[in-house]
PDB file of all heavy atoms in Angstrom:
ATOM      1  N   SER A   1       0.871  -1.182   0.000  1.00  0.00           N
ATOM      2  CA  SER A   1       0.000   0.000   0.000  1.00  0.00           C
ATOM      3  C   SER A   1       0.898   1.218   0.000  1.00  0.00           C
ATOM      4  O   SER A   1       2.055   1.162   0.429  1.00  0.00           O
ATOM      5  CB  SER A   1      -0.914   0.022   1.234  1.00  0.00           C
ATOM      6  OG  SER A   1      -0.171   0.252   2.405  1.00  0.00           O
ATOM      7  N   VAL A   2       0.364   2.335  -0.485  1.00  0.00           N
ATOM      8  CA  VAL A   2       1.152   3.574  -0.503  1.00  0.00           C
ATOM      9  C   VAL A   2       1.542   3.963   0.920  1.00  0.00           C
ATOM     10  O   VAL A   2       2.689   4.337   1.198  1.00  0.00           O
ATOM     11  CB  VAL A   2       0.352   4.709  -1.171  1.00  0.00           C
ATOM     12  CG1 VAL A   2       1.096   6.041  -1.037  1.00  0.00           C
ATOM     13  CG2 VAL A   2       0.076   4.385  -2.621  1.00  0.00           C
ATOM     14  N   PHE A   3       0.598   3.822   1.844  1.00  0.00           N
ATOM     15  CA  PHE A   3       0.845   4.187   3.239  1.00  0.00           C
ATOM     16  C   PHE A   3       1.990   3.363   3.826  1.00  0.00           C
ATOM     17  O   PHE A   3       2.922   3.900   4.448  1.00  0.00           O
ATOM     18  CB  PHE A   3      -0.432   3.992   4.054  1.00  0.00           C
ATOM     19  CG  PHE A   3      -0.242   4.174   5.536  1.00  0.00           C
ATOM     20  CD1 PHE A   3       0.054   5.425   6.068  1.00  0.00           C
ATOM     21  CD2 PHE A   3      -0.357   3.096   6.409  1.00  0.00           C
ATOM     22  CE1 PHE A   3       0.234   5.591   7.430  1.00  0.00           C
ATOM     23  CE2 PHE A   3      -0.180   3.255   7.765  1.00  0.00           C
ATOM     24  CZ  PHE A   3       0.117   4.507   8.286  1.00  0.00           C
ATOM     25  N   ALA A   4       1.945   2.053   3.630  1.00  0.00           N
ATOM     26  CA  ALA A   4       2.976   1.174   4.189  1.00  0.00           C
ATOM     27  C   ALA A   4       4.351   1.512   3.616  1.00  0.00           C
ATOM     28  O   ALA A   4       5.350   1.573   4.340  1.00  0.00           O
ATOM     29  CB  ALA A   4       2.624  -0.282   3.913  1.00  0.00           C
ATOM     30  N   TRP A   5       4.414   1.757   2.296  1.00  0.00           N
ATOM     31  CA  TRP A   5       5.701   2.055   1.683  1.00  0.00           C
ATOM     32  C   TRP A   5       6.220   3.429   2.095  1.00  0.00           C
ATOM     33  O   TRP A   5       7.429   3.616   2.278  1.00  0.00           O
ATOM     34  CB  TRP A   5       5.612   1.958   0.159  1.00  0.00           C
ATOM     35  CG  TRP A   5       5.724   0.540  -0.335  1.00  0.00           C
ATOM     36  CD1 TRP A   5       4.760  -0.207  -0.928  1.00  0.00           C
ATOM     37  CD2 TRP A   5       6.885  -0.288  -0.237  1.00  0.00           C
ATOM     38  NE1 TRP A   5       5.226  -1.470  -1.228  1.00  0.00           N
ATOM     39  CE2 TRP A   5       6.546  -1.541  -0.808  1.00  0.00           C
ATOM     40  CE3 TRP A   5       8.167  -0.112   0.266  1.00  0.00           C
ATOM     41  CZ2 TRP A   5       7.436  -2.606  -0.874  1.00  0.00           C
ATOM     42  CZ3 TRP A   5       9.061  -1.167   0.201  1.00  0.00           C
ATOM     43  CH2 TRP A   5       8.700  -2.395  -0.364  1.00  0.00           C
ATOM     44  N   VAL A   6       5.333   4.393   2.274  1.00  0.00           N
ATOM     45  CA  VAL A   6       5.769   5.723   2.739  1.00  0.00           C
ATOM     46  C   VAL A   6       6.383   5.622   4.133  1.00  0.00           C
ATOM     47  O   VAL A   6       7.459   6.175   4.406  1.00  0.00           O
ATOM     48  CB  VAL A   6       4.584   6.709   2.733  1.00  0.00           C
ATOM     49  CG1 VAL A   6       4.931   7.972   3.543  1.00  0.00           C
ATOM     50  CG2 VAL A   6       4.221   7.095   1.312  1.00  0.00           C
ATOM     51  N   ILE A   7       5.708   4.899   5.027  1.00  0.00           N
ATOM     52  CA  ILE A   7       6.240   4.741   6.389  1.00  0.00           C
ATOM     53  C   ILE A   7       7.569   3.998   6.358  1.00  0.00           C
ATOM     54  O   ILE A   7       8.541   4.396   7.026  1.00  0.00           O
ATOM     55  CB  ILE A   7       5.223   4.009   7.287  1.00  0.00           C
ATOM     56  CG1 ILE A   7       3.919   4.821   7.412  1.00  0.00           C
ATOM     57  CG2 ILE A   7       5.831   3.750   8.663  1.00  0.00           C
ATOM     58  CD1 ILE A   7       4.111   6.190   8.027  1.00  0.00           C
ATOM     59  N   ALA A   8       7.655   2.924   5.577  1.00  0.00           N
ATOM     60  CA  ALA A   8       8.894   2.140   5.506  1.00  0.00           C
ATOM     61  C   ALA A   8      10.055   2.993   4.994  1.00  0.00           C
ATOM     62  O   ALA A   8      11.155   2.990   5.569  1.00  0.00           O
ATOM     63  CB  ALA A   8       8.685   0.923   4.604  1.00  0.00           C
ATOM     64  N   VAL A   9       9.806   3.725   3.912  1.00  0.00           N
ATOM     65  CA  VAL A   9      10.872   4.549   3.326  1.00  0.00           C
ATOM     66  C   VAL A   9      11.341   5.611   4.315  1.00  0.00           C
ATOM     67  O   VAL A   9      12.555   5.820   4.497  1.00  0.00           O
ATOM     68  CB  VAL A   9      10.382   5.207   2.017  1.00  0.00           C
ATOM     69  CG1 VAL A   9      11.359   6.291   1.569  1.00  0.00           C
ATOM     70  CG2 VAL A   9      10.221   4.151   0.935  1.00  0.00           C
ATOM     71  N   TRP A  10      10.418   6.274   4.993  1.00  0.00           N
ATOM     72  CA  TRP A  10      10.815   7.342   5.904  1.00  0.00           C
ATOM     73  C   TRP A  10      11.446   6.818   7.187  1.00  0.00           C
ATOM     74  O   TRP A  10      12.260   7.511   7.810  1.00  0.00           O
ATOM     75  CB  TRP A  10       9.639   8.257   6.197  1.00  0.00           C
ATOM     76  CG  TRP A  10       9.436   9.234   5.076  1.00  0.00           C
ATOM     77  CD1 TRP A  10       8.567   9.118   4.028  1.00  0.00           C
ATOM     78  CD2 TRP A  10      10.171  10.443   4.863  1.00  0.00           C
ATOM     79  NE1 TRP A  10       8.704  10.185   3.171  1.00  0.00           N
ATOM     80  CE2 TRP A  10       9.684  11.021   3.661  1.00  0.00           C
ATOM     81  CE3 TRP A  10      11.174  11.102   5.558  1.00  0.00           C
ATOM     82  CZ2 TRP A  10      10.187  12.212   3.161  1.00  0.00           C
ATOM     83  CZ3 TRP A  10      11.675  12.290   5.057  1.00  0.00           C
ATOM     84  CH2 TRP A  10      11.186  12.837   3.873  1.00  0.00           C
ATOM     85  N   LEU A  11      11.108   5.606   7.591  1.00  0.00           N
ATOM     86  CA  LEU A  11      11.814   5.020   8.733  1.00  0.00           C
ATOM     87  C   LEU A  11      13.264   4.707   8.359  1.00  0.00           C
ATOM     88  O   LEU A  11      14.185   4.902   9.155  1.00  0.00           O
ATOM     89  CB  LEU A  11      11.106   3.757   9.227  1.00  0.00           C
ATOM     90  CG  LEU A  11       9.760   3.973   9.934  1.00  0.00           C
ATOM     91  CD1 LEU A  11       9.242   2.656  10.508  1.00  0.00           C
ATOM     92  CD2 LEU A  11       9.887   4.999  11.049  1.00  0.00           C
ATOM     93  N   TRP A  12      13.466   4.211   7.123  1.00  0.00           N
ATOM     94  CA  TRP A  12      14.838   3.988   6.660  1.00  0.00           C
ATOM     95  C   TRP A  12      15.594   5.316   6.566  1.00  0.00           C
ATOM     96  O   TRP A  12      16.773   5.405   6.940  1.00  0.00           O
ATOM     97  CB  TRP A  12      14.851   3.283   5.301  1.00  0.00           C
ATOM     98  CG  TRP A  12      14.619   1.805   5.386  1.00  0.00           C
ATOM     99  CD1 TRP A  12      13.550   1.102   4.910  1.00  0.00           C
ATOM    100  CD2 TRP A  12      15.488   0.841   5.996  1.00  0.00           C
ATOM    101  NE1 TRP A  12      13.684  -0.237   5.177  1.00  0.00           N
ATOM    102  CE2 TRP A  12      14.867  -0.429   5.844  1.00  0.00           C
ATOM    103  CE3 TRP A  12      16.706   0.916   6.644  1.00  0.00           C
ATOM    104  CZ2 TRP A  12      15.438  -1.603   6.321  1.00  0.00           C
ATOM    105  CZ3 TRP A  12      17.289  -0.252   7.133  1.00  0.00           C
ATOM    106  CH2 TRP A  12      16.663  -1.490   6.965  1.00  0.00           C
ATOM    107  N   LEU A  13      14.909   6.343   6.079  1.00  0.00           N
ATOM    108  CA  LEU A  13      15.555   7.651   5.986  1.00  0.00           C
ATOM    109  C   LEU A  13      15.899   8.203   7.369  1.00  0.00           C
ATOM    110  O   LEU A  13      16.933   8.868   7.546  1.00  0.00           O
ATOM    111  CB  LEU A  13      14.648   8.638   5.237  1.00  0.00           C
ATOM    112  CG  LEU A  13      14.537   8.425   3.728  1.00  0.00           C
ATOM    113  CD1 LEU A  13      13.521   9.389   3.132  1.00  0.00           C
ATOM    114  CD2 LEU A  13      15.892   8.603   3.054  1.00  0.00           C
ATOM    115  N   THR A  14      15.040   7.925   8.342  1.00  0.00           N
ATOM    116  CA  THR A  14      15.336   8.348   9.710  1.00  0.00           C
ATOM    117  C   THR A  14      16.643   7.725  10.186  1.00  0.00           C
ATOM    118  O   THR A  14      17.497   8.407  10.788  1.00  0.00           O
ATOM    119  CB  THR A  14      14.193   7.962  10.664  1.00  0.00           C
ATOM    120  OG1 THR A  14      12.970   8.550  10.206  1.00  0.00           O
ATOM    121  CG2 THR A  14      14.475   8.423  12.080  1.00  0.00           C
ATOM    122  N   SER A  15      16.818   6.431   9.915  1.00  0.00           N
ATOM    123  CA  SER A  15      18.069   5.754  10.295  1.00  0.00           C
ATOM    124  C   SER A  15      19.258   6.340   9.552  1.00  0.00           C
ATOM    125  O   SER A  15      20.329   6.574  10.134  1.00  0.00           O
ATOM    126  CB  SER A  15      17.963   4.248  10.000  1.00  0.00           C
ATOM    127  OG  SER A  15      16.943   3.648  10.754  1.00  0.00           O
ATOM    128  N   VAL A  16      19.086   6.594   8.257  1.00  0.00           N
ATOM    129  CA  VAL A  16      20.185   7.145   7.456  1.00  0.00           C
ATOM    130  C   VAL A  16      20.541   8.550   7.930  1.00  0.00           C
ATOM    131  O   VAL A  16      21.729   8.891   8.066  1.00  0.00           O
ATOM    132  CB  VAL A  16      19.813   7.152   5.957  1.00  0.00           C
ATOM    133  CG1 VAL A  16      20.868   7.905   5.147  1.00  0.00           C
ATOM    134  CG2 VAL A  16      19.672   5.731   5.433  1.00  0.00           C
ATOM    135  N   PHE A  17      19.527   9.379   8.196  1.00  0.00           N
ATOM    136  CA  PHE A  17      19.796  10.746   8.646  1.00  0.00           C
ATOM    137  C   PHE A  17      20.520  10.756   9.990  1.00  0.00           C
ATOM    138  O   PHE A  17      21.391  11.599  10.237  1.00  0.00           O
ATOM    139  CB  PHE A  17      18.499  11.545   8.745  1.00  0.00           C
ATOM    140  CG  PHE A  17      17.844  11.819   7.415  1.00  0.00           C
ATOM    141  CD1 PHE A  17      16.495  12.152   7.330  1.00  0.00           C
ATOM    142  CD2 PHE A  17      18.574  11.728   6.234  1.00  0.00           C
ATOM    143  CE1 PHE A  17      15.900  12.401   6.105  1.00  0.00           C
ATOM    144  CE2 PHE A  17      17.974  11.974   5.007  1.00  0.00           C
ATOM    145  CZ  PHE A  17      16.636  12.307   4.940  1.00  0.00           C
ATOM    146  N   ALA A  18      20.143   9.823  10.872  1.00  0.00           N
ATOM    147  CA  ALA A  18      20.826   9.723  12.164  1.00  0.00           C
ATOM    148  C   ALA A  18      22.299   9.374  11.957  1.00  0.00           C
ATOM    149  O   ALA A  18      23.195   9.970  12.578  1.00  0.00           O
ATOM    150  CB  ALA A  18      20.156   8.675  13.038  1.00  0.00           C
ATOM    151  N   ASN A  19      22.550   8.411  11.073  1.00  0.00           N
ATOM    152  CA  ASN A  19      23.933   8.043  10.774  1.00  0.00           C
ATOM    153  C   ASN A  19      24.664   9.176  10.064  1.00  0.00           C
ATOM    154  O   ASN A  19      25.871   9.345  10.225  1.00  0.00           O
ATOM    155  CB  ASN A  19      23.966   6.791   9.894  1.00  0.00           C
ATOM    156  CG  ASN A  19      23.461   5.558  10.631  1.00  0.00           C
ATOM    157  OD1 ASN A  19      23.498   5.508  11.856  1.00  0.00           O
ATOM    158  ND2 ASN A  19      22.977   4.587   9.881  1.00  0.00           N
ATOM    159  N   LEU A  20      23.920   9.960   9.274  1.00  0.00           N
ATOM    160  CA  LEU A  20      24.542  11.049   8.520  1.00  0.00           C
ATOM    161  C   LEU A  20      25.093  12.115   9.463  1.00  0.00           C
ATOM    162  O   LEU A  20      26.174  12.675   9.216  1.00  0.00           O
ATOM    163  CB  LEU A  20      23.519  11.670   7.564  1.00  0.00           C
ATOM    164  CG  LEU A  20      24.054  12.719   6.580  1.00  0.00           C
ATOM    165  CD1 LEU A  20      25.075  12.084   5.647  1.00  0.00           C
ATOM    166  CD2 LEU A  20      22.904  13.335   5.784  1.00  0.00           C
ATOM    167  N   SER A  21      24.385  12.402  10.532  1.00  0.00           N
ATOM    168  CA  SER A  21      24.871  13.403  11.485  1.00  0.00           C
ATOM    169  C   SER A  21      26.204  12.969  12.082  1.00  0.00           C
ATOM    170  O   SER A  21      27.137  13.769  12.215  1.00  0.00           O
ATOM    171  CB  SER A  21      23.840  13.633  12.597  1.00  0.00           C
ATOM    172  OG  SER A  21      23.729  12.495  13.432  1.00  0.00           O
ATOM    173  N   GLU A  22      26.307  11.685  12.433  1.00  0.00           N
ATOM    174  CA  GLU A  22      27.562  11.172  12.984  1.00  0.00           C
ATOM    175  C   GLU A  22      28.647  11.138  11.918  1.00  0.00           C
ATOM    176  O   GLU A  22      29.803  11.481  12.171  1.00  0.00           O
ATOM    177  CB  GLU A  22      27.337   9.775  13.557  1.00  0.00           C
ATOM    178  CG  GLU A  22      28.566   9.182  14.216  1.00  0.00           C
ATOM    179  CD  GLU A  22      28.292   7.824  14.826  1.00  0.00           C
ATOM    180  OE1 GLU A  22      27.157   7.310  14.662  1.00  0.00           O
ATOM    181  OE2 GLU A  22      29.201   7.262  15.437  1.00  0.00           O
ATOM    182  N   ALA A  23      28.268  10.747  10.691  1.00  0.00           N
ATOM    183  CA  ALA A  23      29.247  10.650   9.606  1.00  0.00           C
ATOM    184  C   ALA A  23      29.806  12.019   9.229  1.00  0.00           C
ATOM    185  O   ALA A  23      30.995  12.154   8.935  1.00  0.00           O
ATOM    186  CB  ALA A  23      28.604   9.984   8.388  1.00  0.00           C
ATOM    187  N   VAL A  24      28.947  13.046   9.226  1.00  0.00           N
ATOM    188  CA  VAL A  24      29.418  14.396   8.911  1.00  0.00           C
ATOM    189  C   VAL A  24      30.395  14.879   9.981  1.00  0.00           C
ATOM    190  O   VAL A  24      31.449  15.451   9.677  1.00  0.00           O
ATOM    191  CB  VAL A  24      28.235  15.378   8.784  1.00  0.00           C
ATOM    192  CG1 VAL A  24      28.731  16.821   8.733  1.00  0.00           C
ATOM    193  CG2 VAL A  24      27.421  15.064   7.540  1.00  0.00           C
ATOM    194  N   ALA A  25      30.052  14.628  11.258  1.00  0.00           N
ATOM    195  CA  ALA A  25      30.940  15.033  12.350  1.00  0.00           C
ATOM    196  C   ALA A  25      32.283  14.319  12.243  1.00  0.00           C
ATOM    197  O   ALA A  25      33.349  14.938  12.400  1.00  0.00           O
ATOM    198  CB  ALA A  25      30.284  14.733  13.696  1.00  0.00           C
ATOM    199  N   GLU A  26      32.247  13.021  11.978  1.00  0.00           N
ATOM    200  CA  GLU A  26      33.489  12.269  11.827  1.00  0.00           C
ATOM    201  C   GLU A  26      34.237  12.701  10.575  1.00  0.00           C
ATOM    202  O   GLU A  26      35.468  12.750  10.562  1.00  0.00           O
ATOM    203  CB  GLU A  26      33.192  10.774  11.761  1.00  0.00           C
ATOM    204  CG  GLU A  26      32.726  10.184  13.079  1.00  0.00           C
ATOM    205  CD  GLU A  26      32.386   8.704  12.950  1.00  0.00           C
ATOM    206  OE1 GLU A  26      32.335   8.220  11.794  1.00  0.00           O
ATOM    207  OE2 GLU A  26      32.190   8.050  13.981  1.00  0.00           O
TER     208      GLU A  26
END
């Protein structure tokens, strides 16, 4: 469903963005 895929994609992006903050600092 569109809803399920939107939530899945943005949860993955949340993980990536969290890692991105650490990666930029490093």
